[in-house]
Amino acid sequence: MQKTEKEKERTLAVDFVKILFVMYLITMLLLLLLALVLFQFEPGEMVSKVWLIAVYVISGFLGGFLIGKRAKSKKFLWGCLIGALYFILLFAVSLLLYKGLSGDITHLVTTLVLCTASATVGGMVS
């Protein structure tokens, strides 16, 4: 039985939400691991910054890879889209928690590039 185009789009939309959830679950687990490392070993600030970048890249790559497997075509575009949505949700939560921008624009743009680029690569690799 063949799926209609609308059923395929609806399935992809549901997969999109599920994959975003997985991305945030991975982010949460990696940040909890970072908290444990910071508590136990008290590494320098540079270690926590590098770890945070790794969290963005790992979560983005995984999300792009998973959505690329589901999409079957235009994988890089779907990867880029899920990476951008991941960043937008992170940014929105940050705005709500801090009641405004807490960092500089360079950090914001760097985070956007990390999230979208890693997810795009994940989509291309899938």
PDB file of N, CA and C in Angstrom:
ATOM      1  N   MET A   1       0.835  -1.171   0.000  1.00  0.00           N
ATOM      2  CA  MET A   1       0.000   0.000   0.000  1.00  0.00           C
ATOM      3  C   MET A   1       0.887   1.246   0.000  1.00  0.00           C
ATOM      4  N   GLN A   2       0.636   2.128  -0.930  1.00  0.00           N
ATOM      5  CA  GLN A   2       1.437   3.335  -1.066  1.00  0.00           C
ATOM      6  C   GLN A   2       0.873   4.452  -0.196  1.00  0.00           C
ATOM      7  N   LYS A   3       1.782   5.195   0.404  1.00  0.00           N
ATOM      8  CA  LYS A   3       1.374   6.348   1.196  1.00  0.00           C
ATOM      9  C   LYS A   3       1.180   7.548   0.282  1.00  0.00           C
ATOM     10  N   THR A   4       0.177   8.342   0.594  1.00  0.00           N
ATOM     11  CA  THR A   4      -0.013   9.569  -0.168  1.00  0.00           C
ATOM     12  C   THR A   4       1.020  10.589   0.263  1.00  0.00           C
ATOM     13  N   GLU A   5       1.127  11.657  -0.498  1.00  0.00           N
ATOM     14  CA  GLU A   5       2.113  12.703  -0.199  1.00  0.00           C
ATOM     15  C   GLU A   5       1.833  13.353   1.151  1.00  0.00           C
ATOM     16  N   LYS A   6       0.557  13.550   1.476  1.00  0.00           N
ATOM     17  CA  LYS A   6       0.211  14.169   2.768  1.00  0.00           C
ATOM     18  C   LYS A   6       0.574  13.246   3.925  1.00  0.00           C
ATOM     19  N   GLU A   7       0.377  11.951   3.770  1.00  0.00           N
ATOM     20  CA  GLU A   7       0.735  11.000   4.827  1.00  0.00           C
ATOM     21  C   GLU A   7       2.249  10.988   5.033  1.00  0.00           C
ATOM     22  N   LYS A   8       3.014  11.076   3.949  1.00  0.00           N
ATOM     23  CA  LYS A   8       4.469  11.126   4.057  1.00  0.00           C
ATOM     24  C   LYS A   8       4.918  12.388   4.784  1.00  0.00           C
ATOM     25  N   GLU A   9       4.301  13.530   4.457  1.00  0.00           N
ATOM     26  CA  GLU A   9       4.641  14.792   5.123  1.00  0.00           C
ATOM     27  C   GLU A   9       4.284  14.750   6.596  1.00  0.00           C
ATOM     28  N   ARG A  10       3.125  14.180   6.909  1.00  0.00           N
ATOM     29  CA  ARG A  10       2.692  14.085   8.303  1.00  0.00           C
ATOM     30  C   ARG A  10       3.629  13.172   9.092  1.00  0.00           C
ATOM     31  N   THR A  11       4.027  12.058   8.486  1.00  0.00           N
ATOM     32  CA  THR A  11       4.962  11.136   9.130  1.00  0.00           C
ATOM     33  C   THR A  11       6.301  11.817   9.368  1.00  0.00           C
ATOM     34  N   LEU A  12       6.774  12.574   8.391  1.00  0.00           N
ATOM     35  CA  LEU A  12       8.047  13.279   8.543  1.00  0.00           C
ATOM     36  C   LEU A  12       7.947  14.347   9.632  1.00  0.00           C
ATOM     37  N   ALA A  13       6.809  15.015   9.730  1.00  0.00           N
ATOM     38  CA  ALA A  13       6.619  16.028  10.775  1.00  0.00           C
ATOM     39  C   ALA A  13       6.649  15.382  12.162  1.00  0.00           C
ATOM     40  N   VAL A  14       6.023  14.232  12.298  1.00  0.00           N
ATOM     41  CA  VAL A  14       6.033  13.517  13.578  1.00  0.00           C
ATOM     42  C   VAL A  14       7.453  13.059  13.893  1.00  0.00           C
ATOM     43  N   ASP A  15       8.156  12.552  12.894  1.00  0.00           N
ATOM     44  CA  ASP A  15       9.548  12.148  13.081  1.00  0.00           C
ATOM     45  C   ASP A  15      10.408  13.343  13.479  1.00  0.00           C
ATOM     46  N   PHE A  16      10.127  14.492  12.891  1.00  0.00           N
ATOM     47  CA  PHE A  16      10.860  15.718  13.199  1.00  0.00           C
ATOM     48  C   PHE A  16      10.754  16.048  14.686  1.00  0.00           C
ATOM     49  N   VAL A  17       9.546  15.987  15.218  1.00  0.00           N
ATOM     50  CA  VAL A  17       9.325  16.289  16.641  1.00  0.00           C
ATOM     51  C   VAL A  17      10.004  15.243  17.515  1.00  0.00           C
ATOM     52  N   LYS A  18       9.910  13.986  17.148  1.00  0.00           N
ATOM     53  CA  LYS A  18      10.553  12.923  17.916  1.00  0.00           C
ATOM     54  C   LYS A  18      12.069  13.097  17.935  1.00  0.00           C
ATOM     55  N   ILE A  19      12.632  13.433  16.787  1.00  0.00           N
ATOM     56  CA  ILE A  19      14.077  13.595  16.702  1.00  0.00           C
ATOM     57  C   ILE A  19      14.530  14.814  17.497  1.00  0.00           C
ATOM     58  N   LEU A  20      13.753  15.893  17.469  1.00  0.00           N
ATOM     59  CA  LEU A  20      14.080  17.052  18.304  1.00  0.00           C
ATOM     60  C   LEU A  20      14.085  16.661  19.779  1.00  0.00           C
ATOM     61  N   PHE A  21      13.125  15.842  20.172  1.00  0.00           N
ATOM     62  CA  PHE A  21      13.080  15.366  21.555  1.00  0.00           C
ATOM     63  C   PHE A  21      14.340  14.564  21.879  1.00  0.00           C
ATOM     64  N   VAL A  22      14.763  13.700  20.968  1.00  0.00           N
ATOM     65  CA  VAL A  22      15.978  12.911  21.174  1.00  0.00           C
ATOM     66  C   VAL A  22      17.191  13.829  21.279  1.00  0.00           C
ATOM     67  N   MET A  23      17.235  14.859  20.450  1.00  0.00           N
ATOM     68  CA  MET A  23      18.351  15.803  20.498  1.00  0.00           C
ATOM     69  C   MET A  23      18.426  16.483  21.864  1.00  0.00           C
ATOM     70  N   TYR A  24      17.283  16.898  22.391  1.00  0.00           N
ATOM     71  CA  TYR A  24      17.288  17.557  23.700  1.00  0.00           C
ATOM     72  C   TYR A  24      17.556  16.565  24.829  1.00  0.00           C
ATOM     73  N   LEU A  25      17.165  15.329  24.659  1.00  0.00           N
ATOM     74  CA  LEU A  25      17.480  14.301  25.651  1.00  0.00           C
ATOM     75  C   LEU A  25      18.990  14.064  25.696  1.00  0.00           C
ATOM     76  N   ILE A  26      19.617  13.964  24.523  1.00  0.00           N
ATOM     77  CA  ILE A  26      21.069  13.803  24.452  1.00  0.00           C
ATOM     78  C   ILE A  26      21.758  15.021  25.058  1.00  0.00           C
ATOM     79  N   THR A  27      21.248  16.200  24.756  1.00  0.00           N
ATOM     80  CA  THR A  27      21.812  17.427  25.330  1.00  0.00           C
ATOM     81  C   THR A  27      21.738  17.392  26.849  1.00  0.00           C
ATOM     82  N   MET A  28      20.590  17.002  27.362  1.00  0.00           N
ATOM     83  CA  MET A  28      20.417  16.943  28.810  1.00  0.00           C
ATOM     84  C   MET A  28      21.384  15.945  29.447  1.00  0.00           C
ATOM     85  N   LEU A  29      21.516  14.772  28.851  1.00  0.00           N
ATOM     86  CA  LEU A  29      22.416  13.764  29.409  1.00  0.00           C
ATOM     87  C   LEU A  29      23.873  14.221  29.372  1.00  0.00           C
ATOM     88  N   LEU A  30      24.269  14.833  28.274  1.00  0.00           N
ATOM     89  CA  LEU A  30      25.651  15.316  28.188  1.00  0.00           C
ATOM     90  C   LEU A  30      25.912  16.471  29.156  1.00  0.00           C
ATOM     91  N   LEU A  31      24.925  17.326  29.362  1.00  0.00           N
ATOM     92  CA  LEU A  31      25.093  18.420  30.328  1.00  0.00           C
ATOM     93  C   LEU A  31      25.120  17.896  31.760  1.00  0.00           C
ATOM     94  N   LEU A  32      24.355  16.851  32.030  1.00  0.00           N
ATOM     95  CA  LEU A  32      24.430  16.226  33.355  1.00  0.00           C
ATOM     96  C   LEU A  32      25.807  15.601  33.575  1.00  0.00           C
ATOM     97  N   LEU A  33      26.345  14.987  32.542  1.00  0.00           N
ATOM     98  CA  LEU A  33      27.689  14.435  32.627  1.00  0.00           C
ATOM     99  C   LEU A  33      28.720  15.545  32.852  1.00  0.00           C
ATOM    100  N   LEU A  34      28.535  16.671  32.180  1.00  0.00           N
ATOM    101  CA  LEU A  34      29.412  17.823  32.396  1.00  0.00           C
ATOM    102  C   LEU A  34      29.324  18.307  33.837  1.00  0.00           C
ATOM    103  N   ALA A  35      28.121  18.371  34.379  1.00  0.00           N
ATOM    104  CA  ALA A  35      27.950  18.801  35.774  1.00  0.00           C
ATOM    105  C   ALA A  35      28.681  17.852  36.721  1.00  0.00           C
ATOM    106  N   LEU A  36      28.602  16.564  36.440  1.00  0.00           N
ATOM    107  CA  LEU A  36      29.305  15.578  37.265  1.00  0.00           C
ATOM    108  C   LEU A  36      30.816  15.778  37.182  1.00  0.00           C
ATOM    109  N   VAL A  37      31.319  15.987  35.980  1.00  0.00           N
ATOM    110  CA  VAL A  37      32.756  16.217  35.796  1.00  0.00           C
ATOM    111  C   VAL A  37      33.178  17.491  36.515  1.00  0.00           C
ATOM    112  N   LEU A  38      32.387  18.543  36.392  1.00  0.00           N
ATOM    113  CA  LEU A  38      32.723  19.805  37.069  1.00  0.00           C
ATOM    114  C   LEU A  38      32.713  19.635  38.581  1.00  0.00           C
ATOM    115  N   PHE A  39      31.779  18.853  39.083  1.00  0.00           N
ATOM    116  CA  PHE A  39      31.672  18.628  40.524  1.00  0.00           C
ATOM    117  C   PHE A  39      32.832  17.787  41.055  1.00  0.00           C
ATOM    118  N   GLN A  40      33.194  16.738  40.325  1.00  0.00           N
ATOM    119  CA  GLN A  40      34.214  15.806  40.787  1.00  0.00           C
ATOM    120  C   GLN A  40      35.643  16.312  40.602  1.00  0.00           C
ATOM    121  N   PHE A  41      35.912  16.927  39.458  1.00  0.00           N
ATOM    122  CA  PHE A  41      37.302  17.207  39.102  1.00  0.00           C
ATOM    123  C   PHE A  41      37.655  18.689  39.064  1.00  0.00           C
ATOM    124  N   GLU A  42      36.681  19.556  39.064  1.00  0.00           N
ATOM    125  CA  GLU A  42      36.893  20.998  39.014  1.00  0.00           C
ATOM    126  C   GLU A  42      37.872  21.413  37.912  1.00  0.00           C
ATOM    127  N   PRO A  43      37.570  21.073  36.653  1.00  0.00           N
ATOM    128  CA  PRO A  43      38.454  21.476  35.559  1.00  0.00           C
ATOM    129  C   PRO A  43      38.319  22.976  35.300  1.00  0.00           C
ATOM    130  N   GLY A  44      39.148  23.477  34.450  1.00  0.00           N
ATOM    131  CA  GLY A  44      39.120  24.899  34.141  1.00  0.00           C
ATOM    132  C   GLY A  44      37.918  25.292  33.301  1.00  0.00           C
ATOM    133  N   GLU A  45      37.781  26.579  33.128  1.00  0.00           N
ATOM    134  CA  GLU A  45      36.667  27.127  32.361  1.00  0.00           C
ATOM    135  C   GLU A  45      36.739  26.701  30.900  1.00  0.00           C
ATOM    136  N   MET A  46      37.942  26.566  30.376  1.00  0.00           N
ATOM    137  CA  MET A  46      38.110  26.185  28.974  1.00  0.00           C
ATOM    138  C   MET A  46      37.535  24.793  28.709  1.00  0.00           C
ATOM    139  N   VAL A  47      37.691  23.877  29.651  1.00  0.00           N
ATOM    140  CA  VAL A  47      37.159  22.520  29.492  1.00  0.00           C
ATOM    141  C   VAL A  47      35.638  22.567  29.389  1.00  0.00           C
ATOM    142  N   SER A  48      34.998  23.360  30.217  1.00  0.00           N
ATOM    143  CA  SER A  48      33.542  23.432  30.160  1.00  0.00           C
ATOM    144  C   SER A  48      33.069  24.096  28.866  1.00  0.00           C
ATOM    145  N   LYS A  49      33.803  25.069  28.351  1.00  0.00           N
ATOM    146  CA  LYS A  49      33.431  25.698  27.076  1.00  0.00           C
ATOM    147  C   LYS A  49      33.565  24.714  25.920  1.00  0.00           C
ATOM    148  N   VAL A  50      34.652  23.956  25.913  1.00  0.00           N
ATOM    149  CA  VAL A  50      34.854  22.964  24.855  1.00  0.00           C
ATOM    150  C   VAL A  50      33.783  21.879  24.946  1.00  0.00           C
ATOM    151  N   TRP A  51      33.460  21.459  26.155  1.00  0.00           N
ATOM    152  CA  TRP A  51      32.437  20.437  26.349  1.00  0.00           C
ATOM    153  C   TRP A  51      31.092  20.941  25.848  1.00  0.00           C
ATOM    154  N   LEU A  52      30.769  22.193  26.111  1.00  0.00           N
ATOM    155  CA  LEU A  52      29.502  22.754  25.662  1.00  0.00           C
ATOM    156  C   LEU A  52      29.433  22.795  24.139  1.00  0.00           C
ATOM    157  N   ILE A  53      30.528  23.135  23.495  1.00  0.00           N
ATOM    158  CA  ILE A  53      30.582  23.107  22.033  1.00  0.00           C
ATOM    159  C   ILE A  53      30.379  21.676  21.542  1.00  0.00           C
ATOM    160  N   ALA A  54      31.003  20.717  22.210  1.00  0.00           N
ATOM    161  CA  ALA A  54      30.842  19.307  21.829  1.00  0.00           C
ATOM    162  C   ALA A  54      29.386  18.866  21.979  1.00  0.00           C
ATOM    163  N   VAL A  55      28.700  19.356  22.992  1.00  0.00           N
ATOM    164  CA  VAL A  55      27.286  19.014  23.185  1.00  0.00           C
ATOM    165  C   VAL A  55      26.467  19.501  21.990  1.00  0.00           C
ATOM    166  N   TYR A  56      26.691  20.737  21.560  1.00  0.00           N
ATOM    167  CA  TYR A  56      25.975  21.273  20.394  1.00  0.00           C
ATOM    168  C   TYR A  56      26.259  20.442  19.146  1.00  0.00           C
ATOM    169  N   VAL A  57      27.523  20.114  18.938  1.00  0.00           N
ATOM    170  CA  VAL A  57      27.919  19.385  17.734  1.00  0.00           C
ATOM    171  C   VAL A  57      27.381  17.958  17.746  1.00  0.00           C
ATOM    172  N   ILE A  58      27.489  17.269  18.864  1.00  0.00           N
ATOM    173  CA  ILE A  58      27.013  15.881  18.950  1.00  0.00           C
ATOM    174  C   ILE A  58      25.491  15.828  18.778  1.00  0.00           C
ATOM    175  N   SER A  59      24.783  16.676  19.477  1.00  0.00           N
ATOM    176  CA  SER A  59      23.324  16.693  19.368  1.00  0.00           C
ATOM    177  C   SER A  59      22.877  17.064  17.956  1.00  0.00           C
ATOM    178  N   GLY A  60      23.527  18.067  17.379  1.00  0.00           N
ATOM    179  CA  GLY A  60      23.181  18.475  16.019  1.00  0.00           C
ATOM    180  C   GLY A  60      23.462  17.388  15.007  1.00  0.00           C
ATOM    181  N   PHE A  61      24.636  16.786  15.103  1.00  0.00           N
ATOM    182  CA  PHE A  61      24.990  15.723  14.166  1.00  0.00           C
ATOM    183  C   PHE A  61      24.007  14.556  14.266  1.00  0.00           C
ATOM    184  N   LEU A  62      23.705  14.157  15.486  1.00  0.00           N
ATOM    185  CA  LEU A  62      22.773  13.046  15.678  1.00  0.00           C
ATOM    186  C   LEU A  62      21.394  13.375  15.107  1.00  0.00           C
ATOM    187  N   GLY A  63      20.906  14.580  15.366  1.00  0.00           N
ATOM    188  CA  GLY A  63      19.606  14.979  14.837  1.00  0.00           C
ATOM    189  C   GLY A  63      19.596  15.006  13.321  1.00  0.00           C
ATOM    190  N   GLY A  64      20.647  15.571  12.720  1.00  0.00           N
ATOM    191  CA  GLY A  64      20.736  15.601  11.266  1.00  0.00           C
ATOM    192  C   GLY A  64      20.828  14.208  10.673  1.00  0.00           C
ATOM    193  N   PHE A  65      21.580  13.341  11.320  1.00  0.00           N
ATOM    194  CA  PHE A  65      21.720  11.967  10.851  1.00  0.00           C
ATOM    195  C   PHE A  65      20.370  11.241  10.889  1.00  0.00           C
ATOM    196  N   LEU A  66      19.658  11.378  11.998  1.00  0.00           N
ATOM    197  CA  LEU A  66      18.374  10.690  12.138  1.00  0.00           C
ATOM    198  C   LEU A  66      17.324  11.224  11.169  1.00  0.00           C
ATOM    199  N   ILE A  67      17.247  12.545  11.003  1.00  0.00           N
ATOM    200  CA  ILE A  67      16.252  13.085  10.075  1.00  0.00           C
ATOM    201  C   ILE A  67      16.630  12.766   8.635  1.00  0.00           C
ATOM    202  N   GLY A  68      17.921  12.682   8.354  1.00  0.00           N
ATOM    203  CA  GLY A  68      18.358  12.292   7.015  1.00  0.00           C
ATOM    204  C   GLY A  68      17.960  10.864   6.680  1.00  0.00           C
ATOM    205  N   LYS A  69      18.042   9.986   7.676  1.00  0.00           N
ATOM    206  CA  LYS A  69      17.620   8.594   7.465  1.00  0.00           C
ATOM    207  C   LYS A  69      16.121   8.517   7.169  1.00  0.00           C
ATOM    208  N   ARG A  70      15.341   9.373   7.816  1.00  0.00           N
ATOM    209  CA  ARG A  70      13.885   9.364   7.624  1.00  0.00           C
ATOM    210  C   ARG A  70      13.473  10.042   6.335  1.00  0.00           C
ATOM    211  N   ALA A  71      14.171  11.110   5.949  1.00  0.00           N
ATOM    212  CA  ALA A  71      13.728  11.933   4.820  1.00  0.00           C
ATOM    213  C   ALA A  71      13.986  11.274   3.467  1.00  0.00           C
ATOM    214  N   LYS A  72      15.076  10.560   3.333  1.00  0.00           N
ATOM    215  CA  LYS A  72      15.450   9.861   2.105  1.00  0.00           C
ATOM    216  C   LYS A  72      15.898  10.783   0.958  1.00  0.00           C
ATOM    217  N   SER A  73      15.444  12.021   0.916  1.00  0.00           N
ATOM    218  CA  SER A  73      15.903  12.961  -0.113  1.00  0.00           C
ATOM    219  C   SER A  73      16.111  14.330   0.521  1.00  0.00           C
ATOM    220  N   LYS A  74      16.971  15.125  -0.099  1.00  0.00           N
ATOM    221  CA  LYS A  74      17.321  16.452   0.421  1.00  0.00           C
ATOM    222  C   LYS A  74      17.744  16.382   1.890  1.00  0.00           C
ATOM    223  N   LYS A  75      18.572  15.395   2.185  1.00  0.00           N
ATOM    224  CA  LYS A  75      18.974  15.124   3.566  1.00  0.00           C
ATOM    225  C   LYS A  75      19.695  16.307   4.192  1.00  0.00           C
ATOM    226  N   PHE A  76      20.558  16.958   3.420  1.00  0.00           N
ATOM    227  CA  PHE A  76      21.299  18.098   3.977  1.00  0.00           C
ATOM    228  C   PHE A  76      20.357  19.232   4.348  1.00  0.00           C
ATOM    229  N   LEU A  77      19.304  19.431   3.549  1.00  0.00           N
ATOM    230  CA  LEU A  77      18.346  20.492   3.831  1.00  0.00           C
ATOM    231  C   LEU A  77      17.551  20.191   5.104  1.00  0.00           C
ATOM    232  N   TRP A  78      17.117  18.943   5.253  1.00  0.00           N
ATOM    233  CA  TRP A  78      16.396  18.549   6.470  1.00  0.00           C
ATOM    234  C   TRP A  78      17.306  18.629   7.686  1.00  0.00           C
ATOM    235  N   GLY A  79      18.574  18.265   7.507  1.00  0.00           N
ATOM    236  CA  GLY A  79      19.532  18.390   8.594  1.00  0.00           C
ATOM    237  C   GLY A  79      19.721  19.839   9.014  1.00  0.00           C
ATOM    238  N   CYS A  80      19.874  20.709   8.032  1.00  0.00           N
ATOM    239  CA  CYS A  80      20.025  22.139   8.318  1.00  0.00           C
ATOM    240  C   CYS A  80      18.787  22.674   9.034  1.00  0.00           C
ATOM    241  N   LEU A  81      17.625  22.255   8.598  1.00  0.00           N
ATOM    242  CA  LEU A  81      16.376  22.719   9.205  1.00  0.00           C
ATOM    243  C   LEU A  81      16.236  22.259  10.652  1.00  0.00           C
ATOM    244  N   ILE A  82      16.562  21.001  10.916  1.00  0.00           N
ATOM    245  CA  ILE A  82      16.435  20.523  12.298  1.00  0.00           C
ATOM    246  C   ILE A  82      17.493  21.163  13.190  1.00  0.00           C
ATOM    247  N   GLY A  83      18.676  21.440  12.648  1.00  0.00           N
ATOM    248  CA  GLY A  83      19.702  22.147  13.416  1.00  0.00           C
ATOM    249  C   GLY A  83      19.273  23.567  13.752  1.00  0.00           C
ATOM    250  N   ALA A  84      18.666  24.252  12.794  1.00  0.00           N
ATOM    251  CA  ALA A  84      18.192  25.614  13.034  1.00  0.00           C
ATOM    252  C   ALA A  84      17.055  25.620  14.054  1.00  0.00           C
ATOM    253  N   LEU A  85      16.159  24.653  13.964  1.00  0.00           N
ATOM    254  CA  LEU A  85      15.060  24.584  14.930  1.00  0.00           C
ATOM    255  C   LEU A  85      15.568  24.250  16.326  1.00  0.00           C
ATOM    256  N   TYR A  86      16.564  23.392  16.408  1.00  0.00           N
ATOM    257  CA  TYR A  86      17.207  23.074  17.686  1.00  0.00           C
ATOM    258  C   TYR A  86      17.768  24.348  18.316  1.00  0.00           C
ATOM    259  N   PHE A  87      18.472  25.155  17.499  1.00  0.00           N
ATOM    260  CA  PHE A  87      19.024  26.412  17.998  1.00  0.00           C
ATOM    261  C   PHE A  87      17.919  27.373  18.423  1.00  0.00           C
ATOM    262  N   ILE A  88      16.880  27.503  17.623  1.00  0.00           N
ATOM    263  CA  ILE A  88      15.790  28.435  17.939  1.00  0.00           C
ATOM    264  C   ILE A  88      15.142  28.080  19.272  1.00  0.00           C
ATOM    265  N   LEU A  89      14.924  26.799  19.512  1.00  0.00           N
ATOM    266  CA  LEU A  89      14.341  26.391  20.792  1.00  0.00           C
ATOM    267  C   LEU A  89      15.297  26.652  21.955  1.00  0.00           C
ATOM    268  N   LEU A  90      16.586  26.380  21.750  1.00  0.00           N
ATOM    269  CA  LEU A  90      17.578  26.705  22.782  1.00  0.00           C
ATOM    270  C   LEU A  90      17.578  28.202  23.080  1.00  0.00           C
ATOM    271  N   PHE A  91      17.537  28.993  22.028  1.00  0.00           N
ATOM    272  CA  PHE A  91      17.547  30.441  22.167  1.00  0.00           C
ATOM    273  C   PHE A  91      16.289  30.939  22.881  1.00  0.00           C
ATOM    274  N   ALA A  92      15.132  30.386  22.523  1.00  0.00           N
ATOM    275  CA  ALA A  92      13.875  30.799  23.153  1.00  0.00           C
ATOM    276  C   ALA A  92      13.872  30.482  24.644  1.00  0.00           C
ATOM    277  N   VAL A  93      14.336  29.303  24.993  1.00  0.00           N
ATOM    278  CA  VAL A  93      14.400  28.930  26.409  1.00  0.00           C
ATOM    279  C   VAL A  93      15.377  29.841  27.144  1.00  0.00           C
ATOM    280  N   SER A  94      16.496  30.146  26.517  1.00  0.00           N
ATOM    281  CA  SER A  94      17.476  31.042  27.122  1.00  0.00           C
ATOM    282  C   SER A  94      16.881  32.437  27.349  1.00  0.00           C
ATOM    283  N   LEU A  95      16.139  32.926  26.381  1.00  0.00           N
ATOM    284  CA  LEU A  95      15.488  34.229  26.539  1.00  0.00           C
ATOM    285  C   LEU A  95      14.498  34.221  27.695  1.00  0.00           C
ATOM    286  N   LEU A  96      13.743  33.129  27.819  1.00  0.00           N
ATOM    287  CA  LEU A  96      12.772  33.037  28.910  1.00  0.00           C
ATOM    288  C   LEU A  96      13.452  32.951  30.277  1.00  0.00           C
ATOM    289  N   LEU A  97      14.506  32.167  30.367  1.00  0.00           N
ATOM    290  CA  LEU A  97      15.186  31.982  31.646  1.00  0.00           C
ATOM    291  C   LEU A  97      15.931  33.228  32.099  1.00  0.00           C
ATOM    292  N   TYR A  98      16.611  33.878  31.153  1.00  0.00           N
ATOM    293  CA  TYR A  98      17.436  35.031  31.507  1.00  0.00           C
ATOM    294  C   TYR A  98      16.721  36.364  31.304  1.00  0.00           C
ATOM    295  N   LYS A  99      15.485  36.305  30.810  1.00  0.00           N
ATOM    296  CA  LYS A  99      14.679  37.507  30.562  1.00  0.00           C
ATOM    297  C   LYS A  99      15.416  38.514  29.678  1.00  0.00           C
ATOM    298  N   GLY A 100      16.017  38.011  28.634  1.00  0.00           N
ATOM    299  CA  GLY A 100      16.748  38.841  27.681  1.00  0.00           C
ATOM    300  C   GLY A 100      18.035  38.176  27.255  1.00  0.00           C
ATOM    301  N   LEU A 101      18.788  38.866  26.436  1.00  0.00           N
ATOM    302  CA  LEU A 101      20.068  38.326  25.975  1.00  0.00           C
ATOM    303  C   LEU A 101      21.106  38.459  27.077  1.00  0.00           C
ATOM    304  N   SER A 102      21.797  37.357  27.345  1.00  0.00           N
ATOM    305  CA  SER A 102      22.803  37.387  28.407  1.00  0.00           C
ATOM    306  C   SER A 102      24.232  37.424  27.870  1.00  0.00           C
ATOM    307  N   GLY A 103      24.417  37.086  26.608  1.00  0.00           N
ATOM    308  CA  GLY A 103      25.759  37.046  26.044  1.00  0.00           C
ATOM    309  C   GLY A 103      25.912  38.024  24.902  1.00  0.00           C
ATOM    310  N   ASP A 104      27.034  37.915  24.226  1.00  0.00           N
ATOM    311  CA  ASP A 104      27.258  38.792  23.086  1.00  0.00           C
ATOM    312  C   ASP A 104      26.747  38.136  21.810  1.00  0.00           C
ATOM    313  N   ILE A 105      26.647  38.915  20.764  1.00  0.00           N
ATOM    314  CA  ILE A 105      26.094  38.443  19.503  1.00  0.00           C
ATOM    315  C   ILE A 105      27.025  37.434  18.841  1.00  0.00           C
ATOM    316  N   THR A 106      28.326  37.537  19.083  1.00  0.00           N
ATOM    317  CA  THR A 106      29.281  36.599  18.504  1.00  0.00           C
ATOM    318  C   THR A 106      29.019  35.183  19.005  1.00  0.00           C
ATOM    319  N   HIS A 107      28.773  35.056  20.306  1.00  0.00           N
ATOM    320  CA  HIS A 107      28.464  33.744  20.878  1.00  0.00           C
ATOM    321  C   HIS A 107      27.170  33.195  20.287  1.00  0.00           C
ATOM    322  N   LEU A 108      26.196  34.048  20.092  1.00  0.00           N
ATOM    323  CA  LEU A 108      24.909  33.646  19.531  1.00  0.00           C
ATOM    324  C   LEU A 108      25.067  33.125  18.100  1.00  0.00           C
ATOM    325  N   VAL A 109      25.796  33.851  17.285  1.00  0.00           N
ATOM    326  CA  VAL A 109      26.008  33.454  15.889  1.00  0.00           C
ATOM    327  C   VAL A 109      26.853  32.180  15.814  1.00  0.00           C
ATOM    328  N   THR A 110      27.855  32.076  16.665  1.00  0.00           N
ATOM    329  CA  THR A 110      28.691  30.873  16.691  1.00  0.00           C
ATOM    330  C   THR A 110      27.862  29.643  17.044  1.00  0.00           C
ATOM    331  N   THR A 111      26.991  29.785  18.022  1.00  0.00           N
ATOM    332  CA  THR A 111      26.128  28.665  18.413  1.00  0.00           C
ATOM    333  C   THR A 111      25.180  28.284  17.283  1.00  0.00           C
ATOM    334  N   LEU A 112      24.621  29.270  16.610  1.00  0.00           N
ATOM    335  CA  LEU A 112      23.751  28.999  15.464  1.00  0.00           C
ATOM    336  C   LEU A 112      24.501  28.236  14.386  1.00  0.00           C
ATOM    337  N   VAL A 113      25.705  28.664  14.067  1.00  0.00           N
ATOM    338  CA  VAL A 113      26.515  27.998  13.031  1.00  0.00           C
ATOM    339  C   VAL A 113      26.854  26.574  13.462  1.00  0.00           C
ATOM    340  N   LEU A 114      27.235  26.394  14.726  1.00  0.00           N
ATOM    341  CA  LEU A 114      27.560  25.043  15.215  1.00  0.00           C
ATOM    342  C   LEU A 114      26.364  24.109  15.095  1.00  0.00           C
ATOM    343  N   CYS A 115      25.208  24.568  15.519  1.00  0.00           N
ATOM    344  CA  CYS A 115      24.010  23.719  15.497  1.00  0.00           C
ATOM    345  C   CYS A 115      23.593  23.367  14.073  1.00  0.00           C
ATOM    346  N   THR A 116      23.522  24.376  13.199  1.00  0.00           N
ATOM    347  CA  THR A 116      23.054  24.102  11.839  1.00  0.00           C
ATOM    348  C   THR A 116      24.095  23.339  11.018  1.00  0.00           C
ATOM    349  N   ALA A 117      25.366  23.684  11.171  1.00  0.00           N
ATOM    350  CA  ALA A 117      26.406  23.001  10.384  1.00  0.00           C
ATOM    351  C   ALA A 117      26.545  21.544  10.787  1.00  0.00           C
ATOM    352  N   SER A 118      26.545  21.259  12.085  1.00  0.00           N
ATOM    353  CA  SER A 118      26.695  19.860  12.507  1.00  0.00           C
ATOM    354  C   SER A 118      25.490  19.028  12.087  1.00  0.00           C
ATOM    355  N   ALA A 119      24.297  19.602  12.164  1.00  0.00           N
ATOM    356  CA  ALA A 119      23.100  18.865  11.745  1.00  0.00           C
ATOM    357  C   ALA A 119      23.090  18.670  10.224  1.00  0.00           C
ATOM    358  N   THR A 120      23.567  19.662   9.482  1.00  0.00           N
ATOM    359  CA  THR A 120      23.652  19.525   8.021  1.00  0.00           C
ATOM    360  C   THR A 120      24.625  18.405   7.655  1.00  0.00           C
ATOM    361  N   VAL A 121      25.762  18.375   8.300  1.00  0.00           N
ATOM    362  CA  VAL A 121      26.733  17.301   8.052  1.00  0.00           C
ATOM    363  C   VAL A 121      26.130  15.949   8.424  1.00  0.00           C
ATOM    364  N   GLY A 122      25.422  15.891   9.545  1.00  0.00           N
ATOM    365  CA  GLY A 122      24.765  14.643   9.943  1.00  0.00           C
ATOM    366  C   GLY A 122      23.770  14.181   8.894  1.00  0.00           C
ATOM    367  N   GLY A 123      23.014  15.129   8.338  1.00  0.00           N
ATOM    368  CA  GLY A 123      22.069  14.780   7.267  1.00  0.00           C
ATOM    369  C   GLY A 123      22.771  14.282   6.023  1.00  0.00           C
ATOM    370  N   MET A 124      23.897  14.899   5.665  1.00  0.00           N
ATOM    371  CA  MET A 124      24.629  14.483   4.468  1.00  0.00           C
ATOM    372  C   MET A 124      25.261  13.104   4.645  1.00  0.00           C
ATOM    373  N   VAL A 125      25.702  12.802   5.849  1.00  0.00           N
ATOM    374  CA  VAL A 125      26.357  11.518   6.102  1.00  0.00           C
ATOM    375  C   VAL A 125      25.348  10.366   6.121  1.00  0.00           C
ATOM    376  N   SER A 126      24.109  10.666   6.509  1.00  0.00           N
ATOM    377  CA  SER A 126      23.112   9.583   6.669  1.00  0.00           C
ATOM    378  C   SER A 126      22.797   8.869   5.376  1.00  0.00           C
TER     379      SER A 126
END
